[in-house]
Amino acid sequence: MKVSHKSSNGRIEIFAEGETQKDVFRQLSALQEVFEEQKCGVCQGEDLRFVVRTVEDNDFYELHCQTTHFDINPPHTARQCRAKLAFGQHKGKEGTLFPKRKDAEGKYLPNNGWSVWTPKAQS
């Protein structure tokens, strides 16, 4: 059985194939969890970009918000949100990702896992 599914915003078409409905359902579920994020959890912007960073032979998978906001008060400057949503990699399941929405203790992170890097104060 082959199935195609368009994301609700219409930007991505997802294909799944399996012998049973359960096989296809499992694939669609995993694909939707990663590829159907529609809005930034910080600014609610919809200009999202898939990013893979490599640091010391390790790949880090992230969604970055590219949404630009304009201040309504003078000097009317523009700023980019630059929030990111990090993805983890399942151990033992080759090639599957999941959005990191919980901290190390299993508690949900603010903004549904989206965060903005802020530099630490220098001492």
N, C-alpha and C. Protein backbone atom coordinates (compact mmCIF):
# COMPACT_ATOMS: atom_id res chain seq x y z
N MET A 1 0.84 -1.17 0.00
CA MET A 1 0.00 0.00 0.00
C MET A 1 0.89 1.23 0.00
N LYS A 2 0.58 2.18 -0.90
CA LYS A 2 1.31 3.44 -0.97
C LYS A 2 0.34 4.57 -0.67
N VAL A 3 0.84 5.56 0.08
CA VAL A 3 0.02 6.70 0.47
C VAL A 3 0.84 7.98 0.30
N SER A 4 0.19 9.02 -0.20
CA SER A 4 0.83 10.34 -0.21
C SER A 4 -0.04 11.25 0.65
N HIS A 5 0.63 12.18 1.33
CA HIS A 5 -0.06 13.10 2.25
C HIS A 5 0.59 14.46 2.12
N LYS A 6 -0.22 15.49 1.92
CA LYS A 6 0.30 16.86 1.88
C LYS A 6 0.19 17.47 3.25
N SER A 7 1.25 18.18 3.65
CA SER A 7 1.22 18.86 4.94
C SER A 7 0.06 19.87 4.93
N SER A 8 -0.42 20.21 6.11
CA SER A 8 -1.59 21.08 6.17
C SER A 8 -1.33 22.47 5.59
N ASN A 9 -0.06 22.90 5.55
CA ASN A 9 0.24 24.18 4.92
C ASN A 9 0.55 24.03 3.43
N GLY A 10 0.55 22.78 2.93
CA GLY A 10 0.74 22.52 1.51
C GLY A 10 2.15 22.62 1.00
N ARG A 11 3.11 22.86 1.88
CA ARG A 11 4.50 23.04 1.45
C ARG A 11 5.23 21.73 1.17
N ILE A 12 4.83 20.65 1.85
CA ILE A 12 5.56 19.39 1.75
C ILE A 12 4.58 18.25 1.46
N GLU A 13 4.98 17.38 0.55
CA GLU A 13 4.21 16.17 0.30
C GLU A 13 5.00 14.99 0.85
N ILE A 14 4.35 14.18 1.66
CA ILE A 14 4.98 13.05 2.34
C ILE A 14 4.47 11.75 1.71
N PHE A 15 5.37 10.81 1.47
CA PHE A 15 5.00 9.52 0.92
C PHE A 15 5.34 8.42 1.92
N ALA A 16 4.44 7.48 2.06
CA ALA A 16 4.67 6.33 2.94
C ALA A 16 4.23 5.07 2.21
N GLU A 17 4.89 3.97 2.54
CA GLU A 17 4.56 2.70 1.91
C GLU A 17 4.71 1.59 2.94
N GLY A 18 3.77 0.66 2.94
CA GLY A 18 3.84 -0.46 3.86
C GLY A 18 2.87 -1.55 3.45
N GLU A 19 3.00 -2.69 4.10
CA GLU A 19 2.14 -3.82 3.79
C GLU A 19 0.76 -3.68 4.44
N THR A 20 0.73 -3.01 5.59
CA THR A 20 -0.54 -2.87 6.31
C THR A 20 -0.82 -1.40 6.61
N GLN A 21 -2.05 -1.13 7.01
CA GLN A 21 -2.41 0.22 7.42
C GLN A 21 -1.56 0.67 8.60
N LYS A 22 -1.26 -0.25 9.52
CA LYS A 22 -0.45 0.09 10.68
C LYS A 22 0.96 0.52 10.26
N ASP A 23 1.54 -0.18 9.28
CA ASP A 23 2.87 0.19 8.79
C ASP A 23 2.86 1.61 8.21
N VAL A 24 1.88 1.89 7.39
CA VAL A 24 1.77 3.21 6.77
C VAL A 24 1.49 4.27 7.83
N PHE A 25 0.61 3.97 8.77
CA PHE A 25 0.27 4.91 9.84
C PHE A 25 1.51 5.27 10.65
N ARG A 26 2.32 4.25 10.98
CA ARG A 26 3.55 4.48 11.76
C ARG A 26 4.50 5.39 11.00
N GLN A 27 4.65 5.15 9.71
CA GLN A 27 5.54 5.99 8.90
C GLN A 27 5.03 7.43 8.81
N LEU A 28 3.74 7.58 8.54
CA LEU A 28 3.17 8.93 8.46
C LEU A 28 3.33 9.67 9.78
N SER A 29 3.11 8.97 10.88
CA SER A 29 3.24 9.58 12.20
C SER A 29 4.66 10.12 12.42
N ALA A 30 5.66 9.31 12.10
CA ALA A 30 7.05 9.72 12.28
C ALA A 30 7.40 10.88 11.35
N LEU A 31 6.93 10.84 10.12
CA LEU A 31 7.23 11.91 9.17
C LEU A 31 6.54 13.21 9.55
N GLN A 32 5.27 13.12 9.98
CA GLN A 32 4.55 14.33 10.37
C GLN A 32 5.18 14.99 11.59
N GLU A 33 5.67 14.18 12.54
CA GLU A 33 6.26 14.74 13.76
C GLU A 33 7.46 15.63 13.43
N VAL A 34 8.17 15.29 12.38
CA VAL A 34 9.37 16.04 12.02
C VAL A 34 9.07 17.13 10.98
N PHE A 35 8.27 16.81 9.98
CA PHE A 35 8.14 17.70 8.83
C PHE A 35 6.90 18.59 8.82
N GLU A 36 6.01 18.46 9.79
CA GLU A 36 4.81 19.29 9.76
C GLU A 36 4.79 20.37 10.83
N GLU A 37 5.93 20.73 11.37
CA GLU A 37 5.98 21.87 12.28
C GLU A 37 5.65 23.10 11.45
N GLN A 38 4.63 23.86 11.87
CA GLN A 38 4.15 24.94 11.03
C GLN A 38 4.48 26.33 11.53
N LYS A 39 4.65 26.47 12.85
CA LYS A 39 4.90 27.79 13.40
C LYS A 39 6.00 27.73 14.45
N CYS A 40 6.74 28.81 14.52
CA CYS A 40 7.76 28.97 15.54
C CYS A 40 7.07 29.02 16.90
N GLY A 41 7.61 28.34 17.87
CA GLY A 41 7.05 28.33 19.21
C GLY A 41 7.32 29.61 19.98
N VAL A 42 8.22 30.45 19.49
CA VAL A 42 8.54 31.71 20.16
C VAL A 42 7.71 32.86 19.60
N CYS A 43 7.75 33.06 18.28
CA CYS A 43 7.10 34.23 17.68
C CYS A 43 5.87 33.89 16.84
N GLN A 44 5.59 32.61 16.67
CA GLN A 44 4.48 32.13 15.85
C GLN A 44 4.69 32.40 14.36
N GLY A 45 5.90 32.76 13.96
CA GLY A 45 6.21 32.98 12.55
C GLY A 45 6.15 31.67 11.78
N GLU A 46 5.95 31.79 10.47
CA GLU A 46 5.81 30.60 9.62
C GLU A 46 6.97 30.42 8.64
N ASP A 47 7.98 31.27 8.71
CA ASP A 47 9.13 31.16 7.82
C ASP A 47 10.19 30.28 8.48
N LEU A 48 10.04 28.96 8.30
CA LEU A 48 10.91 27.99 8.96
C LEU A 48 11.85 27.34 7.95
N ARG A 49 13.05 27.02 8.41
CA ARG A 49 14.06 26.42 7.54
C ARG A 49 14.68 25.20 8.23
N PHE A 50 14.83 24.11 7.48
CA PHE A 50 15.51 22.92 7.97
C PHE A 50 17.01 23.16 7.91
N VAL A 51 17.72 22.84 9.00
CA VAL A 51 19.16 23.08 9.08
C VAL A 51 19.83 21.84 9.65
N VAL A 52 20.96 21.47 9.07
CA VAL A 52 21.81 20.41 9.63
C VAL A 52 23.18 21.03 9.86
N ARG A 53 23.62 21.00 11.12
CA ARG A 53 24.95 21.50 11.48
C ARG A 53 25.82 20.30 11.81
N THR A 54 27.07 20.34 11.40
CA THR A 54 28.02 19.28 11.72
C THR A 54 29.10 19.86 12.60
N VAL A 55 29.28 19.25 13.78
CA VAL A 55 30.30 19.68 14.73
C VAL A 55 31.07 18.42 15.14
N GLU A 56 32.37 18.40 14.85
CA GLU A 56 33.23 17.27 15.21
C GLU A 56 32.61 15.93 14.79
N ASP A 57 32.23 15.83 13.54
CA ASP A 57 31.66 14.61 12.94
C ASP A 57 30.29 14.23 13.50
N ASN A 58 29.63 15.10 14.25
CA ASN A 58 28.28 14.84 14.74
C ASN A 58 27.32 15.78 14.02
N ASP A 59 26.21 15.22 13.53
CA ASP A 59 25.20 16.02 12.85
C ASP A 59 24.12 16.43 13.83
N PHE A 60 23.73 17.70 13.78
CA PHE A 60 22.66 18.24 14.61
C PHE A 60 21.56 18.74 13.70
N TYR A 61 20.35 18.23 13.89
CA TYR A 61 19.20 18.55 13.05
C TYR A 61 18.33 19.56 13.78
N GLU A 62 17.98 20.66 13.08
CA GLU A 62 17.24 21.75 13.71
C GLU A 62 16.29 22.39 12.70
N LEU A 63 15.25 23.01 13.23
CA LEU A 63 14.42 23.93 12.47
C LEU A 63 14.75 25.32 12.96
N HIS A 64 14.97 26.27 12.05
CA HIS A 64 15.27 27.65 12.43
C HIS A 64 14.17 28.56 11.95
N CYS A 65 13.78 29.50 12.78
CA CYS A 65 12.79 30.50 12.40
C CYS A 65 13.51 31.65 11.70
N GLN A 66 13.06 31.97 10.50
CA GLN A 66 13.65 33.04 9.70
C GLN A 66 12.74 34.27 9.66
N THR A 67 11.66 34.25 10.44
CA THR A 67 10.67 35.32 10.39
C THR A 67 11.29 36.65 10.83
N THR A 68 11.01 37.69 10.06
CA THR A 68 11.48 39.03 10.38
C THR A 68 10.33 39.83 10.97
N HIS A 69 10.60 40.50 12.07
CA HIS A 69 9.61 41.35 12.75
C HIS A 69 10.09 42.79 12.68
N PHE A 70 9.16 43.69 12.57
CA PHE A 70 9.49 45.11 12.51
C PHE A 70 8.94 45.80 13.75
N ASP A 71 9.78 46.57 14.41
CA ASP A 71 9.34 47.33 15.58
C ASP A 71 8.37 48.42 15.14
N ILE A 72 7.28 48.57 15.88
CA ILE A 72 6.30 49.59 15.50
C ILE A 72 6.69 50.97 16.01
N ASN A 73 7.59 51.02 16.97
CA ASN A 73 8.06 52.31 17.49
C ASN A 73 9.35 52.70 16.79
N PRO A 74 9.59 54.00 16.65
CA PRO A 74 10.86 54.43 16.04
C PRO A 74 12.02 53.83 16.81
N PRO A 75 13.06 53.41 16.15
CA PRO A 75 13.44 53.70 14.77
C PRO A 75 12.93 52.68 13.76
N HIS A 76 11.91 51.91 14.06
CA HIS A 76 11.30 50.94 13.14
C HIS A 76 12.33 49.94 12.60
N THR A 77 13.09 49.38 13.48
CA THR A 77 14.13 48.43 13.07
C THR A 77 13.53 47.05 12.83
N ALA A 78 14.21 46.29 12.00
CA ALA A 78 13.80 44.92 11.70
C ALA A 78 14.70 43.97 12.47
N ARG A 79 14.13 42.90 12.97
CA ARG A 79 14.94 41.88 13.64
C ARG A 79 14.41 40.51 13.26
N GLN A 80 15.32 39.58 13.16
CA GLN A 80 14.95 38.22 12.82
C GLN A 80 14.77 37.43 14.11
N CYS A 81 13.75 36.58 14.17
CA CYS A 81 13.45 35.81 15.39
C CYS A 81 14.64 34.91 15.76
N ARG A 82 15.10 34.07 14.85
CA ARG A 82 16.25 33.18 15.03
C ARG A 82 16.07 32.10 16.08
N ALA A 83 14.82 31.81 16.45
CA ALA A 83 14.58 30.70 17.38
C ALA A 83 14.86 29.38 16.66
N LYS A 84 15.11 28.34 17.44
CA LYS A 84 15.36 27.03 16.83
C LYS A 84 14.66 25.94 17.62
N LEU A 85 14.34 24.87 16.92
CA LEU A 85 13.81 23.66 17.52
C LEU A 85 14.78 22.54 17.19
N ALA A 86 15.38 21.95 18.21
CA ALA A 86 16.37 20.88 18.01
C ALA A 86 15.66 19.53 17.90
N PHE A 87 16.24 18.64 17.13
CA PHE A 87 15.73 17.29 16.97
C PHE A 87 16.73 16.30 17.53
N GLY A 88 16.23 15.29 18.22
CA GLY A 88 17.06 14.21 18.70
C GLY A 88 17.01 13.05 17.72
N GLN A 89 17.89 12.10 17.91
CA GLN A 89 17.95 10.92 17.05
C GLN A 89 17.66 9.69 17.90
N HIS A 90 16.69 8.89 17.46
CA HIS A 90 16.37 7.66 18.20
C HIS A 90 17.57 6.72 18.17
N LYS A 91 17.87 6.13 19.31
CA LYS A 91 18.94 5.14 19.38
C LYS A 91 18.42 3.82 18.83
N GLY A 92 19.22 3.19 17.99
CA GLY A 92 18.85 1.88 17.47
C GLY A 92 17.85 1.91 16.33
N LYS A 93 17.30 3.07 16.02
CA LYS A 93 16.37 3.18 14.90
C LYS A 93 17.02 4.07 13.87
N GLU A 94 17.62 3.47 12.89
CA GLU A 94 18.40 4.21 11.91
C GLU A 94 17.57 5.26 11.19
N GLY A 95 18.07 6.50 11.24
CA GLY A 95 17.48 7.55 10.45
C GLY A 95 16.21 8.20 10.97
N THR A 96 15.81 7.93 12.22
CA THR A 96 14.58 8.55 12.71
C THR A 96 14.90 9.65 13.71
N LEU A 97 14.15 10.73 13.59
CA LEU A 97 14.34 11.91 14.42
C LEU A 97 13.08 12.19 15.23
N PHE A 98 13.21 13.02 16.26
CA PHE A 98 12.07 13.48 17.03
C PHE A 98 12.37 14.88 17.55
N PRO A 99 11.34 15.74 17.64
CA PRO A 99 11.58 17.08 18.16
C PRO A 99 11.84 17.01 19.66
N LYS A 100 12.84 17.73 20.14
CA LYS A 100 13.16 17.75 21.57
C LYS A 100 12.25 18.76 22.26
N ARG A 101 11.22 18.25 22.91
CA ARG A 101 10.25 19.11 23.58
C ARG A 101 10.33 18.99 25.10
N LYS A 102 11.23 18.09 25.60
CA LYS A 102 11.39 17.90 27.04
C LYS A 102 12.85 18.07 27.43
N ASP A 103 13.08 18.44 28.70
CA ASP A 103 14.44 18.58 29.20
C ASP A 103 14.94 17.21 29.69
N ALA A 104 16.13 17.19 30.27
CA ALA A 104 16.75 15.94 30.72
C ALA A 104 15.93 15.23 31.80
N GLU A 105 15.12 15.99 32.57
CA GLU A 105 14.29 15.39 33.63
C GLU A 105 12.91 14.97 33.11
N GLY A 106 12.65 15.17 31.82
CA GLY A 106 11.37 14.77 31.25
C GLY A 106 10.28 15.82 31.37
N LYS A 107 10.64 17.04 31.77
CA LYS A 107 9.67 18.12 31.89
C LYS A 107 9.59 18.87 30.56
N TYR A 108 8.38 19.28 30.21
CA TYR A 108 8.20 20.01 28.95
C TYR A 108 8.93 21.34 28.99
N LEU A 109 9.58 21.66 27.89
CA LEU A 109 10.31 22.92 27.74
C LEU A 109 9.34 24.04 27.38
N PRO A 110 9.68 25.28 27.70
CA PRO A 110 8.85 26.41 27.28
C PRO A 110 8.80 26.51 25.75
N ASN A 111 7.79 27.16 25.25
CA ASN A 111 7.63 27.42 23.81
C ASN A 111 7.61 26.14 22.98
N ASN A 112 7.13 25.05 23.59
CA ASN A 112 7.01 23.76 22.89
C ASN A 112 8.36 23.28 22.35
N GLY A 113 9.44 23.63 23.05
CA GLY A 113 10.78 23.17 22.68
C GLY A 113 11.59 24.18 21.88
N TRP A 114 10.95 25.22 21.39
CA TRP A 114 11.66 26.26 20.63
C TRP A 114 12.43 27.15 21.60
N SER A 115 13.64 27.55 21.20
CA SER A 115 14.44 28.41 22.08
C SER A 115 15.23 29.43 21.25
N VAL A 116 15.58 30.52 21.90
CA VAL A 116 16.41 31.55 21.30
C VAL A 116 17.69 31.62 22.11
N TRP A 117 18.83 31.53 21.42
CA TRP A 117 20.11 31.59 22.12
C TRP A 117 20.34 32.99 22.62
N THR A 118 20.72 33.07 23.88
CA THR A 118 21.10 34.35 24.47
C THR A 118 22.49 34.19 25.07
N PRO A 119 23.40 35.10 24.76
CA PRO A 119 24.75 34.97 25.28
C PRO A 119 24.76 35.13 26.81
N LYS A 120 25.64 34.36 27.45
CA LYS A 120 25.79 34.47 28.90
C LYS A 120 26.51 35.77 29.23
N ALA A 121 26.15 36.35 30.35
CA ALA A 121 26.82 37.59 30.78
C ALA A 121 28.29 37.30 31.06
N GLN A 122 29.13 38.18 30.59
CA GLN A 122 30.57 37.99 30.80
C GLN A 122 30.94 38.49 32.19
N SER A 123 31.78 37.72 32.87
CA SER A 123 32.19 38.12 34.22
C SER A 123 33.49 38.88 34.21
